Amino acid sequence: MSPAMFKMWVSIAGMGFMFLAIMTIYLSRYKLKGVLKIITAIIAYLLMIVSGLTLLIVFLT
């Protein structure tokens, strides 16, 4: 696999993580209550951080 193709797949994975983060943030804010709300919020923000770092690495290399 060429480096450009690898970067494309990594950036698509980063965008997928961002989409999952947006969906879980929505769930944690508007649909869930209690401990489950906190757990999904933590997962969502971790996904957002991972996706941001992934896309940053792709753009800078």
C-alpha atoms as a PDB file:
ATOM      1  CA  MET A   1       0.000   0.000   0.000  1.00  0.00           C
ATOM      2  CA  SER A   2       1.395   3.391  -0.941  1.00  0.00           C
ATOM      3  CA  PRO A   3       1.945   6.064   1.722  1.00  0.00           C
ATOM      4  CA  ALA A   4      -0.735   8.280   0.188  1.00  0.00           C
ATOM      5  CA  MET A   5      -3.301   5.473   0.323  1.00  0.00           C
ATOM      6  CA  PHE A   6      -2.375   4.745   3.938  1.00  0.00           C
ATOM      7  CA  LYS A   7      -2.846   8.431   4.830  1.00  0.00           C
ATOM      8  CA  MET A   8      -6.251   8.354   3.160  1.00  0.00           C
ATOM      9  CA  TRP A   9      -7.416   5.388   5.238  1.00  0.00           C
ATOM     10  CA  VAL A  10      -6.045   6.925   8.447  1.00  0.00           C
ATOM     11  CA  SER A  11      -7.867  10.191   7.749  1.00  0.00           C
ATOM     12  CA  ILE A  12     -11.108   8.305   7.029  1.00  0.00           C
ATOM     13  CA  ALA A  13     -10.699   6.509  10.361  1.00  0.00           C
ATOM     14  CA  GLY A  14     -10.197   9.882  12.071  1.00  0.00           C
ATOM     15  CA  MET A  15     -13.380  11.207  10.508  1.00  0.00           C
ATOM     16  CA  GLY A  16     -15.207   8.066  11.624  1.00  0.00           C
ATOM     17  CA  PHE A  17     -13.974   8.598  15.195  1.00  0.00           C
ATOM     18  CA  MET A  18     -15.225  12.180  15.017  1.00  0.00           C
ATOM     19  CA  PHE A  19     -18.651  11.025  13.831  1.00  0.00           C
ATOM     20  CA  LEU A  20     -18.838   8.493  16.678  1.00  0.00           C
ATOM     21  CA  ALA A  21     -17.799  11.200  19.132  1.00  0.00           C
ATOM     22  CA  ILE A  22     -20.558  13.520  17.929  1.00  0.00           C
ATOM     23  CA  MET A  23     -23.174  10.786  18.262  1.00  0.00           C
ATOM     24  CA  THR A  24     -22.054   9.778  21.755  1.00  0.00           C
ATOM     25  CA  ILE A  25     -21.900  13.412  22.900  1.00  0.00           C
ATOM     26  CA  TYR A  26     -25.479  13.828  21.718  1.00  0.00           C
ATOM     27  CA  LEU A  27     -26.518  10.681  23.569  1.00  0.00           C
ATOM     28  CA  SER A  28     -24.785  11.685  26.775  1.00  0.00           C
ATOM     29  CA  ARG A  29     -26.236  15.185  26.803  1.00  0.00           C
ATOM     30  CA  TYR A  30     -29.828  14.613  25.772  1.00  0.00           C
ATOM     31  CA  LYS A  31     -30.794  10.947  26.108  1.00  0.00           C
ATOM     32  CA  LEU A  32     -28.974   9.410  29.077  1.00  0.00           C
ATOM     33  CA  LYS A  33     -28.954  10.037  32.818  1.00  0.00           C
ATOM     34  CA  GLY A  34     -26.788   9.086  35.760  1.00  0.00           C
ATOM     35  CA  VAL A  35     -23.564   7.129  35.585  1.00  0.00           C
ATOM     36  CA  LEU A  36     -24.161   6.045  31.985  1.00  0.00           C
ATOM     37  CA  LYS A  37     -24.204   9.719  30.980  1.00  0.00           C
ATOM     38  CA  ILE A  38     -20.770  10.274  32.527  1.00  0.00           C
ATOM     39  CA  ILE A  39     -19.283   7.142  30.980  1.00  0.00           C
ATOM     40  CA  THR A  40     -20.501   7.974  27.480  1.00  0.00           C
ATOM     41  CA  ALA A  41     -19.321  11.563  27.835  1.00  0.00           C
ATOM     42  CA  ILE A  42     -15.821  10.386  28.773  1.00  0.00           C
ATOM     43  CA  ILE A  43     -15.765   7.967  25.836  1.00  0.00           C
ATOM     44  CA  ALA A  44     -17.026  10.692  23.507  1.00  0.00           C
ATOM     45  CA  TYR A  45     -14.390  13.208  24.489  1.00  0.00           C
ATOM     46  CA  LEU A  46     -11.651  10.586  24.264  1.00  0.00           C
ATOM     47  CA  LEU A  47     -12.831   9.760  20.740  1.00  0.00           C
ATOM     48  CA  MET A  48     -12.792  13.463  19.873  1.00  0.00           C
ATOM     49  CA  ILE A  49      -9.216  13.824  21.132  1.00  0.00           C
ATOM     50  CA  VAL A  50      -8.062  10.713  19.241  1.00  0.00           C
ATOM     51  CA  SER A  51      -9.731  11.878  16.039  1.00  0.00           C
ATOM     52  CA  GLY A  52      -8.227  15.341  16.335  1.00  0.00           C
ATOM     53  CA  LEU A  53      -4.745  13.959  16.880  1.00  0.00           C
ATOM     54  CA  THR A  54      -5.169  11.509  14.017  1.00  0.00           C
ATOM     55  CA  LEU A  55      -6.224  14.192  11.572  1.00  0.00           C
ATOM     56  CA  LEU A  56      -3.497  16.543  12.821  1.00  0.00           C
ATOM     57  CA  ILE A  57      -0.834  13.894  12.223  1.00  0.00           C
ATOM     58  CA  VAL A  58      -2.198  13.216   8.727  1.00  0.00           C
ATOM     59  CA  PHE A  59      -2.234  16.894   7.822  1.00  0.00           C
ATOM     60  CA  LEU A  60       1.262  17.590   9.123  1.00  0.00           C
ATOM     61  CA  THR A  61       2.997  14.634   7.458  1.00  0.00           C
END
